All heavy atoms as atom14 arrays in JSON, in Angstrom:
{
  "sequence": "KGAFTGADKQKIGRFELADGGTLFLDEIGNMSLEFQEKVLRVIE",
  "atom14_mask": [
    [1, 1, 1, 1, 1, 1, 1, 1, 1, 0, 0, 0, 0, 0],
    [1, 1, 1, 1, 0, 0, 0, 0, 0, 0, 0, 0, 0, 0],
    [1, 1, 1, 1, 1, 0, 0, 0, 0, 0, 0, 0, 0, 0],
    [1, 1, 1, 1, 1, 1, 1, 1, 1, 1, 1, 0, 0, 0],
    [1, 1, 1, 1, 1, 1, 1, 0, 0, 0, 0, 0, 0, 0],
    [1, 1, 1, 1, 0, 0, 0, 0, 0, 0, 0, 0, 0, 0],
    [1, 1, 1, 1, 1, 0, 0, 0, 0, 0, 0, 0, 0, 0],
    [1, 1, 1, 1, 1, 1, 1, 1, 0, 0, 0, 0, 0, 0],
    [1, 1, 1, 1, 1, 1, 1, 1, 1, 0, 0, 0, 0, 0],
    [1, 1, 1, 1, 1, 1, 1, 1, 1, 0, 0, 0, 0, 0],
    [1, 1, 1, 1, 1, 1, 1, 1, 1, 0, 0, 0, 0, 0],
    [1, 1, 1, 1, 1, 1, 1, 1, 0, 0, 0, 0, 0, 0],
    [1, 1, 1, 1, 0, 0, 0, 0, 0, 0, 0, 0, 0, 0],
    [1, 1, 1, 1, 1, 1, 1, 1, 1, 1, 1, 0, 0, 0],
    [1, 1, 1, 1, 1, 1, 1, 1, 1, 1, 1, 0, 0, 0],
    [1, 1, 1, 1, 1, 1, 1, 1, 1, 0, 0, 0, 0, 0],
    [1, 1, 1, 1, 1, 1, 1, 1, 0, 0, 0, 0, 0, 0],
    [1, 1, 1, 1, 1, 0, 0, 0, 0, 0, 0, 0, 0, 0],
    [1, 1, 1, 1, 1, 1, 1, 1, 0, 0, 0, 0, 0, 0],
    [1, 1, 1, 1, 0, 0, 0, 0, 0, 0, 0, 0, 0, 0],
    [1, 1, 1, 1, 0, 0, 0, 0, 0, 0, 0, 0, 0, 0],
    [1, 1, 1, 1, 1, 1, 1, 0, 0, 0, 0, 0, 0, 0],
    [1, 1, 1, 1, 1, 1, 1, 1, 0, 0, 0, 0, 0, 0],
    [1, 1, 1, 1, 1, 1, 1, 1, 1, 1, 1, 0, 0, 0],
    [1, 1, 1, 1, 1, 1, 1, 1, 0, 0, 0, 0, 0, 0],
    [1, 1, 1, 1, 1, 1, 1, 1, 0, 0, 0, 0, 0, 0],
    [1, 1, 1, 1, 1, 1, 1, 1, 1, 0, 0, 0, 0, 0],
    [1, 1, 1, 1, 1, 1, 1, 1, 0, 0, 0, 0, 0, 0],
    [1, 1, 1, 1, 0, 0, 0, 0, 0, 0, 0, 0, 0, 0],
    [1, 1, 1, 1, 1, 1, 1, 1, 0, 0, 0, 0, 0, 0],
    [1, 1, 1, 1, 1, 1, 1, 1, 0, 0, 0, 0, 0, 0],
    [1, 1, 1, 1, 1, 1, 0, 0, 0, 0, 0, 0, 0, 0],
    [1, 1, 1, 1, 1, 1, 1, 1, 0, 0, 0, 0, 0, 0],
    [1, 1, 1, 1, 1, 1, 1, 1, 1, 0, 0, 0, 0, 0],
    [1, 1, 1, 1, 1, 1, 1, 1, 1, 1, 1, 0, 0, 0],
    [1, 1, 1, 1, 1, 1, 1, 1, 1, 0, 0, 0, 0, 0],
    [1, 1, 1, 1, 1, 1, 1, 1, 1, 0, 0, 0, 0, 0],
    [1, 1, 1, 1, 1, 1, 1, 1, 1, 0, 0, 0, 0, 0],
    [1, 1, 1, 1, 1, 1, 1, 0, 0, 0, 0, 0, 0, 0],
    [1, 1, 1, 1, 1, 1, 1, 1, 0, 0, 0, 0, 0, 0],
    [1, 1, 1, 1, 1, 1, 1, 1, 1, 1, 1, 0, 0, 0],
    [1, 1, 1, 1, 1, 1, 1, 0, 0, 0, 0, 0, 0, 0],
    [1, 1, 1, 1, 1, 1, 1, 1, 0, 0, 0, 0, 0, 0],
    [1, 1, 1, 1, 1, 1, 1, 1, 1, 0, 0, 0, 0, 0]
  ],
  "atom14_positions": [
    [[178.53, 191.66, 87.27], [177.44, 192.15, 86.43], [176.24, 191.21, 86.51], [176.4, 189.96, 86.48], [177.9, 192.28, 84.99], [176.81, 192.75, 84.02], [177.34, 192.84, 82.61], [176.29, 193.31, 81.64], [176.81, 193.43, 80.26], [0.0, 0.0, 0.0], [0.0, 0.0, 0.0], [0.0, 0.0, 0.0], [0.0, 0.0, 0.0], [0.0, 0.0, 0.0]],
    [[175.07, 191.71, 86.78], [173.86, 190.93, 86.92], [173.67, 190.26, 88.27], [172.74, 189.44, 88.44], [0.0, 0.0, 0.0], [0.0, 0.0, 0.0], [0.0, 0.0, 0.0], [0.0, 0.0, 0.0], [0.0, 0.0, 0.0], [0.0, 0.0, 0.0], [0.0, 0.0, 0.0], [0.0, 0.0, 0.0], [0.0, 0.0, 0.0], [0.0, 0.0, 0.0]],
    [[174.5, 190.68, 89.27], [174.35, 190.04, 90.56], [173.03, 190.37, 91.2], [172.51, 189.59, 92.04], [175.51, 190.52, 91.47], [0.0, 0.0, 0.0], [0.0, 0.0, 0.0], [0.0, 0.0, 0.0], [0.0, 0.0, 0.0], [0.0, 0.0, 0.0], [0.0, 0.0, 0.0], [0.0, 0.0, 0.0], [0.0, 0.0, 0.0], [0.0, 0.0, 0.0]],
    [[172.48, 191.55, 90.92], [171.15, 191.9, 91.48], [170.62, 192.95, 90.55], [171.28, 193.5, 89.63], [171.28, 192.42, 92.9], [172.36, 193.47, 93.12], [172.12, 194.82, 92.83], [173.6, 193.09, 93.57], [173.12, 195.79, 93.02], [174.58, 194.07, 93.74], [174.39, 195.38, 93.45], [0.0, 0.0, 0.0], [0.0, 0.0, 0.0], [0.0, 0.0, 0.0]],
    [[169.36, 193.37, 90.78], [168.7, 194.33, 89.92], [169.46, 195.69, 90.0], [169.74, 196.22, 91.08], [167.22, 194.59, 90.38], [166.52, 193.37, 90.37], [166.57, 195.6, 89.49], [0.0, 0.0, 0.0], [0.0, 0.0, 0.0], [0.0, 0.0, 0.0], [0.0, 0.0, 0.0], [0.0, 0.0, 0.0], [0.0, 0.0, 0.0], [0.0, 0.0, 0.0]],
    [[169.86, 196.18, 88.78], [170.6, 197.38, 88.73], [172.08, 197.17, 88.61], [172.83, 198.19, 88.36], [0.0, 0.0, 0.0], [0.0, 0.0, 0.0], [0.0, 0.0, 0.0], [0.0, 0.0, 0.0], [0.0, 0.0, 0.0], [0.0, 0.0, 0.0], [0.0, 0.0, 0.0], [0.0, 0.0, 0.0], [0.0, 0.0, 0.0], [0.0, 0.0, 0.0]],
    [[172.56, 195.97, 88.82], [173.99, 195.68, 88.64], [174.33, 195.47, 87.19], [174.49, 194.33, 86.72], [174.38, 194.49, 89.5], [0.0, 0.0, 0.0], [0.0, 0.0, 0.0], [0.0, 0.0, 0.0], [0.0, 0.0, 0.0], [0.0, 0.0, 0.0], [0.0, 0.0, 0.0], [0.0, 0.0, 0.0], [0.0, 0.0, 0.0], [0.0, 0.0, 0.0]],
    [[174.45, 196.59, 86.4], [174.57, 196.44, 84.98], [176.02, 196.27, 84.55], [176.35, 196.18, 83.36], [173.98, 197.68, 84.27], [174.52, 199.01, 84.8], [175.22, 198.95, 85.84], [174.18, 200.02, 84.2], [0.0, 0.0, 0.0], [0.0, 0.0, 0.0], [0.0, 0.0, 0.0], [0.0, 0.0, 0.0], [0.0, 0.0, 0.0], [0.0, 0.0, 0.0]],
    [[176.95, 196.4, 85.54], [178.4, 196.18, 85.2], [179.11, 195.75, 86.45], [178.59, 195.91, 87.58], [179.03, 197.43, 84.61], [178.99, 198.64, 85.61], [179.64, 199.87, 84.91], [179.59, 201.08, 85.82], [180.18, 202.28, 85.21], [0.0, 0.0, 0.0], [0.0, 0.0, 0.0], [0.0, 0.0, 0.0], [0.0, 0.0, 0.0], [0.0, 0.0, 0.0]],
    [[180.33, 195.21, 86.27], [181.1, 194.73, 87.42], [181.55, 195.92, 88.24], [181.9, 196.99, 87.74], [182.31, 193.97, 86.93], [183.15, 193.31, 88.04], [184.46, 192.75, 87.55], [185.37, 193.46, 87.21], [184.5, 191.42, 87.45], [0.0, 0.0, 0.0], [0.0, 0.0, 0.0], [0.0, 0.0, 0.0], [0.0, 0.0, 0.0], [0.0, 0.0, 0.0]],
    [[181.55, 195.75, 89.58], [182.03, 196.78, 90.51], [183.17, 196.25, 91.34], [183.06, 195.18, 91.91], [180.86, 197.26, 91.44], [181.31, 198.3, 92.51], [180.09, 198.6, 93.38], [180.56, 199.55, 94.56], [180.96, 200.85, 94.08], [0.0, 0.0, 0.0], [0.0, 0.0, 0.0], [0.0, 0.0, 0.0], [0.0, 0.0, 0.0], [0.0, 0.0, 0.0]],
    [[184.24, 197.05, 91.45], [185.35, 196.67, 92.31], [185.07, 197.22, 93.68], [184.74, 198.41, 93.88], [186.65, 197.29, 91.77], [186.92, 196.78, 90.34], [187.84, 196.91, 92.68], [187.05, 195.3, 90.16], [0.0, 0.0, 0.0], [0.0, 0.0, 0.0], [0.0, 0.0, 0.0], [0.0, 0.0, 0.0], [0.0, 0.0, 0.0], [0.0, 0.0, 0.0]],
    [[185.21, 196.4, 94.67], [184.89, 196.79, 96.09], [186.08, 197.45, 96.8], [187.22, 197.51, 96.25], [0.0, 0.0, 0.0], [0.0, 0.0, 0.0], [0.0, 0.0, 0.0], [0.0, 0.0, 0.0], [0.0, 0.0, 0.0], [0.0, 0.0, 0.0], [0.0, 0.0, 0.0], [0.0, 0.0, 0.0], [0.0, 0.0, 0.0], [0.0, 0.0, 0.0]],
    [[185.84, 198.0, 98.01], [186.83, 198.65, 98.74], [188.0, 197.79, 99.12], [189.11, 198.26, 99.22], [186.17, 199.34, 99.97], [185.07, 200.28, 99.68], [185.58, 201.54, 98.99], [184.47, 202.49, 98.69], [184.21, 203.54, 99.44], [185.0, 203.77, 100.51], [183.19, 204.35, 99.16], [0.0, 0.0, 0.0], [0.0, 0.0, 0.0], [0.0, 0.0, 0.0]],
    [[187.78, 196.52, 99.43], [188.84, 195.6, 99.77], [189.81, 195.48, 98.62], [191.04, 195.5, 98.86], [188.33, 194.21, 100.21], [188.02, 194.14, 101.68], [186.72, 194.23, 102.17], [189.03, 193.96, 102.6], [186.46, 194.09, 103.5], [188.82, 193.84, 103.96], [187.47, 193.95, 104.42], [0.0, 0.0, 0.0], [0.0, 0.0, 0.0], [0.0, 0.0, 0.0]],
    [[189.3, 195.37, 97.38], [190.19, 195.24, 96.22], [190.94, 196.55, 96.01], [192.14, 196.59, 95.65], [189.39, 194.89, 94.98], [189.02, 193.45, 94.87], [188.27, 193.13, 93.56], [188.98, 192.94, 92.54], [187.06, 193.13, 93.6], [0.0, 0.0, 0.0], [0.0, 0.0, 0.0], [0.0, 0.0, 0.0], [0.0, 0.0, 0.0], [0.0, 0.0, 0.0]],
    [[190.23, 197.7, 96.17], [190.89, 198.99, 95.96], [192.01, 199.22, 96.96], [192.97, 199.9, 96.67], [189.81, 200.11, 96.07], [188.75, 200.2, 95.02], [187.74, 201.24, 95.34], [189.4, 200.46, 93.62], [0.0, 0.0, 0.0], [0.0, 0.0, 0.0], [0.0, 0.0, 0.0], [0.0, 0.0, 0.0], [0.0, 0.0, 0.0], [0.0, 0.0, 0.0]],
    [[191.88, 198.66, 98.13], [192.89, 198.84, 99.2], [193.96, 197.83, 99.14], [194.85, 197.83, 100.06], [192.19, 198.82, 100.54], [0.0, 0.0, 0.0], [0.0, 0.0, 0.0], [0.0, 0.0, 0.0], [0.0, 0.0, 0.0], [0.0, 0.0, 0.0], [0.0, 0.0, 0.0], [0.0, 0.0, 0.0], [0.0, 0.0, 0.0], [0.0, 0.0, 0.0]],
    [[193.98, 196.91, 98.17], [194.97, 195.85, 98.13], [196.39, 196.4, 98.23], [196.8, 197.31, 97.49], [194.82, 195.07, 96.81], [195.64, 193.83, 96.81], [196.04, 193.32, 97.91], [195.97, 193.33, 95.71], [0.0, 0.0, 0.0], [0.0, 0.0, 0.0], [0.0, 0.0, 0.0], [0.0, 0.0, 0.0], [0.0, 0.0, 0.0], [0.0, 0.0, 0.0]],
    [[197.15, 195.86, 99.16], [198.55, 196.35, 99.42], [198.6, 197.49, 100.42], [199.63, 197.82, 100.92], [0.0, 0.0, 0.0], [0.0, 0.0, 0.0], [0.0, 0.0, 0.0], [0.0, 0.0, 0.0], [0.0, 0.0, 0.0], [0.0, 0.0, 0.0], [0.0, 0.0, 0.0], [0.0, 0.0, 0.0], [0.0, 0.0, 0.0], [0.0, 0.0, 0.0]],
    [[197.43, 198.1, 100.69], [197.4, 199.28, 101.56], [196.59, 199.05, 102.8], [196.59, 197.98, 103.47], [0.0, 0.0, 0.0], [0.0, 0.0, 0.0], [0.0, 0.0, 0.0], [0.0, 0.0, 0.0], [0.0, 0.0, 0.0], [0.0, 0.0, 0.0], [0.0, 0.0, 0.0], [0.0, 0.0, 0.0], [0.0, 0.0, 0.0], [0.0, 0.0, 0.0]],
    [[195.79, 200.11, 103.11], [195.03, 200.13, 104.36], [193.54, 200.41, 104.07], [193.21, 201.3, 103.26], [195.51, 201.16, 105.32], [196.91, 200.87, 105.63], [194.74, 201.2, 106.65], [0.0, 0.0, 0.0], [0.0, 0.0, 0.0], [0.0, 0.0, 0.0], [0.0, 0.0, 0.0], [0.0, 0.0, 0.0], [0.0, 0.0, 0.0], [0.0, 0.0, 0.0]],
    [[192.63, 199.66, 104.68], [191.19, 199.93, 104.6], [190.74, 200.47, 105.94], [190.87, 199.76, 107.0], [190.48, 198.65, 104.24], [188.94, 198.78, 104.1], [188.55, 199.77, 103.06], [188.28, 197.45, 103.88], [0.0, 0.0, 0.0], [0.0, 0.0, 0.0], [0.0, 0.0, 0.0], [0.0, 0.0, 0.0], [0.0, 0.0, 0.0], [0.0, 0.0, 0.0]],
    [[190.2, 201.63, 105.99], [189.7, 202.23, 107.24], [188.2, 202.09, 107.3], [187.49, 202.63, 106.44], [190.06, 203.7, 107.27], [189.49, 204.45, 108.42], [189.77, 204.1, 109.74], [188.66, 205.55, 108.27], [189.25, 204.79, 110.8], [188.13, 206.23, 109.32], [188.38, 205.84, 110.63], [0.0, 0.0, 0.0], [0.0, 0.0, 0.0], [0.0, 0.0, 0.0]],
    [[187.75, 201.34, 108.27], [186.31, 201.08, 108.45], [185.79, 201.96, 109.61], [186.01, 201.64, 110.77], [186.08, 199.63, 108.78], [186.53, 198.58, 107.76], [186.25, 197.21, 108.2], [185.9, 198.77, 106.37], [0.0, 0.0, 0.0], [0.0, 0.0, 0.0], [0.0, 0.0, 0.0], [0.0, 0.0, 0.0], [0.0, 0.0, 0.0], [0.0, 0.0, 0.0]],
    [[185.09, 203.03, 109.24], [184.55, 203.9, 110.25], [183.16, 203.5, 110.67], [182.41, 202.94, 109.83], [184.53, 205.39, 109.71], [184.43, 206.4, 110.82], [184.52, 205.99, 112.02], [184.27, 207.57, 110.56], [0.0, 0.0, 0.0], [0.0, 0.0, 0.0], [0.0, 0.0, 0.0], [0.0, 0.0, 0.0], [0.0, 0.0, 0.0], [0.0, 0.0, 0.0]],
    [[182.8, 203.7, 111.9], [181.47, 203.39, 112.41], [181.16, 201.86, 112.29], [180.1, 201.48, 111.77], [180.36, 204.2, 111.77], [180.61, 205.69, 111.89], [180.54, 206.23, 113.3], [180.2, 205.49, 114.21], [180.9, 207.4, 113.52], [0.0, 0.0, 0.0], [0.0, 0.0, 0.0], [0.0, 0.0, 0.0], [0.0, 0.0, 0.0], [0.0, 0.0, 0.0]],
    [[182.1, 201.05, 112.79], [181.87, 199.6, 112.57], [180.71, 199.06, 113.43], [180.23, 198.01, 113.19], [183.16, 198.89, 112.94], [183.61, 199.15, 114.35], [184.23, 199.06, 111.89], [184.58, 198.14, 114.86], [0.0, 0.0, 0.0], [0.0, 0.0, 0.0], [0.0, 0.0, 0.0], [0.0, 0.0, 0.0], [0.0, 0.0, 0.0], [0.0, 0.0, 0.0]],
    [[180.34, 199.85, 114.44], [179.23, 199.42, 115.32], [177.9, 199.34, 114.6], [176.93, 198.82, 115.08], [0.0, 0.0, 0.0], [0.0, 0.0, 0.0], [0.0, 0.0, 0.0], [0.0, 0.0, 0.0], [0.0, 0.0, 0.0], [0.0, 0.0, 0.0], [0.0, 0.0, 0.0], [0.0, 0.0, 0.0], [0.0, 0.0, 0.0], [0.0, 0.0, 0.0]],
    [[177.83, 199.94, 113.32], [176.59, 199.95, 112.56], [176.44, 198.75, 111.67], [175.43, 198.64, 110.96], [176.57, 201.22, 111.74], [176.34, 202.47, 112.58], [177.33, 203.01, 113.12], [175.13, 202.97, 112.68], [0.0, 0.0, 0.0], [0.0, 0.0, 0.0], [0.0, 0.0, 0.0], [0.0, 0.0, 0.0], [0.0, 0.0, 0.0], [0.0, 0.0, 0.0]],
    [[177.42, 197.85, 111.62], [177.3, 196.67, 110.71], [176.37, 195.6, 111.31], [176.34, 195.4, 112.55], [178.74, 196.07, 110.5], [179.66, 197.01, 109.71], [181.22, 196.14, 109.26], [181.86, 195.67, 110.8], [0.0, 0.0, 0.0], [0.0, 0.0, 0.0], [0.0, 0.0, 0.0], [0.0, 0.0, 0.0], [0.0, 0.0, 0.0], [0.0, 0.0, 0.0]],
    [[175.67, 194.9, 110.45], [174.8, 193.84, 110.9], [175.72, 192.64, 111.36], [176.84, 192.55, 110.98], [173.85, 193.37, 109.79], [174.61, 192.75, 108.72], [0.0, 0.0, 0.0], [0.0, 0.0, 0.0], [0.0, 0.0, 0.0], [0.0, 0.0, 0.0], [0.0, 0.0, 0.0], [0.0, 0.0, 0.0], [0.0, 0.0, 0.0], [0.0, 0.0, 0.0]],
    [[175.13, 191.77, 112.16], [175.88, 190.61, 112.64], [176.37, 189.74, 111.43], [177.46, 189.19, 111.46], [175.05, 189.78, 113.56], [174.81, 190.37, 115.0], [173.78, 189.59, 115.76], [176.17, 190.38, 115.79], [0.0, 0.0, 0.0], [0.0, 0.0, 0.0], [0.0, 0.0, 0.0], [0.0, 0.0, 0.0], [0.0, 0.0, 0.0], [0.0, 0.0, 0.0]],
    [[175.44, 189.51, 110.43], [175.81, 188.74, 109.29], [176.99, 189.31, 108.54], [177.89, 188.6, 108.11], [174.59, 188.62, 108.32], [174.83, 187.77, 107.11], [173.67, 187.8, 106.16], [172.66, 188.48, 106.46], [173.8, 187.13, 105.12], [0.0, 0.0, 0.0], [0.0, 0.0, 0.0], [0.0, 0.0, 0.0], [0.0, 0.0, 0.0], [0.0, 0.0, 0.0]],
    [[176.99, 190.61, 108.4], [178.09, 191.24, 107.63], [179.35, 191.29, 108.51], [180.43, 191.18, 108.0], [177.73, 192.71, 107.3], [178.7, 193.33, 106.31], [178.71, 192.89, 104.99], [179.58, 194.28, 106.76], [179.61, 193.47, 104.13], [180.49, 194.84, 105.96], [180.52, 194.42, 104.55], [0.0, 0.0, 0.0], [0.0, 0.0, 0.0], [0.0, 0.0, 0.0]],
    [[179.25, 191.36, 109.83], [180.38, 191.31, 110.7], [181.15, 190.02, 110.47], [182.39, 189.99, 110.5], [179.97, 191.45, 112.18], [179.48, 192.87, 112.59], [178.9, 192.84, 113.93], [179.38, 192.15, 114.82], [177.93, 193.69, 114.19], [0.0, 0.0, 0.0], [0.0, 0.0, 0.0], [0.0, 0.0, 0.0], [0.0, 0.0, 0.0], [0.0, 0.0, 0.0]],
    [[180.39, 188.9, 110.34], [181.04, 187.63, 110.14], [181.85, 187.6, 108.83], [182.95, 187.05, 108.74], [179.97, 186.52, 110.07], [180.58, 185.13, 109.92], [179.52, 184.03, 109.92], [178.33, 184.38, 110.0], [179.88, 182.86, 109.82], [0.0, 0.0, 0.0], [0.0, 0.0, 0.0], [0.0, 0.0, 0.0], [0.0, 0.0, 0.0], [0.0, 0.0, 0.0]],
    [[181.27, 188.22, 107.76], [182.0, 188.25, 106.5], [183.27, 189.13, 106.56], [184.31, 188.75, 106.03], [181.1, 188.78, 105.4], [179.87, 187.86, 105.15], [179.03, 188.42, 104.05], [177.79, 187.48, 103.73], [176.9, 188.02, 102.74], [0.0, 0.0, 0.0], [0.0, 0.0, 0.0], [0.0, 0.0, 0.0], [0.0, 0.0, 0.0], [0.0, 0.0, 0.0]],
    [[183.19, 190.2, 107.32], [184.37, 191.08, 107.42], [185.43, 190.34, 108.26], [186.64, 190.4, 107.97], [184.0, 192.37, 108.11], [185.22, 193.16, 108.55], [183.13, 193.23, 107.21], [0.0, 0.0, 0.0], [0.0, 0.0, 0.0], [0.0, 0.0, 0.0], [0.0, 0.0, 0.0], [0.0, 0.0, 0.0], [0.0, 0.0, 0.0], [0.0, 0.0, 0.0]],
    [[185.04, 189.63, 109.31], [185.94, 188.84, 110.12], [186.68, 187.85, 109.27], [187.9, 187.69, 109.43], [185.17, 188.15, 111.27], [186.0, 187.13, 112.1], [187.12, 187.93, 112.85], [185.11, 186.38, 113.1], [0.0, 0.0, 0.0], [0.0, 0.0, 0.0], [0.0, 0.0, 0.0], [0.0, 0.0, 0.0], [0.0, 0.0, 0.0], [0.0, 0.0, 0.0]],
    [[186.0, 187.08, 108.34], [186.66, 186.15, 107.5], [187.67, 186.73, 106.58], [188.74, 186.25, 106.36], [185.64, 185.38, 106.73], [184.79, 184.43, 107.5], [183.95, 183.53, 106.65], [184.77, 182.71, 105.75], [185.33, 181.57, 106.07], [185.23, 181.11, 107.28], [186.06, 180.9, 105.22], [0.0, 0.0, 0.0], [0.0, 0.0, 0.0], [0.0, 0.0, 0.0]],
    [[187.35, 187.93, 106.05], [188.27, 188.66, 105.14], [189.62, 189.09, 105.95], [190.68, 188.88, 105.51], [187.73, 189.84, 104.49], [188.69, 190.51, 103.56], [186.46, 189.44, 103.69], [0.0, 0.0, 0.0], [0.0, 0.0, 0.0], [0.0, 0.0, 0.0], [0.0, 0.0, 0.0], [0.0, 0.0, 0.0], [0.0, 0.0, 0.0], [0.0, 0.0, 0.0]],
    [[189.35, 189.62, 107.15], [190.47, 189.98, 107.99], [191.33, 188.8, 108.32], [192.59, 188.82, 108.3], [190.0, 190.74, 109.3], [189.29, 191.99, 108.97], [191.19, 190.98, 110.15], [188.63, 192.63, 110.12], [0.0, 0.0, 0.0], [0.0, 0.0, 0.0], [0.0, 0.0, 0.0], [0.0, 0.0, 0.0], [0.0, 0.0, 0.0], [0.0, 0.0, 0.0]],
    [[190.69, 187.68, 108.59], [191.35, 186.49, 109.03], [192.13, 185.79, 107.87], [193.31, 185.42, 108.04], [190.42, 185.52, 109.65], [191.04, 184.35, 110.4], [191.64, 184.79, 111.69], [191.03, 185.63, 112.44], [192.71, 184.3, 112.03], [0.0, 0.0, 0.0], [0.0, 0.0, 0.0], [0.0, 0.0, 0.0], [0.0, 0.0, 0.0], [0.0, 0.0, 0.0]]
  ]
}
């Protein structure tokens, strides 16, 4: 909550929602290089 303008409450992300299961990332070629690095760290 309050992380940026319009963030009026906490939001659970897709990685948390998929905990214990599978996260399917479609069209990964559209991710920015900066975001690719963050995804790599989570996978790792």
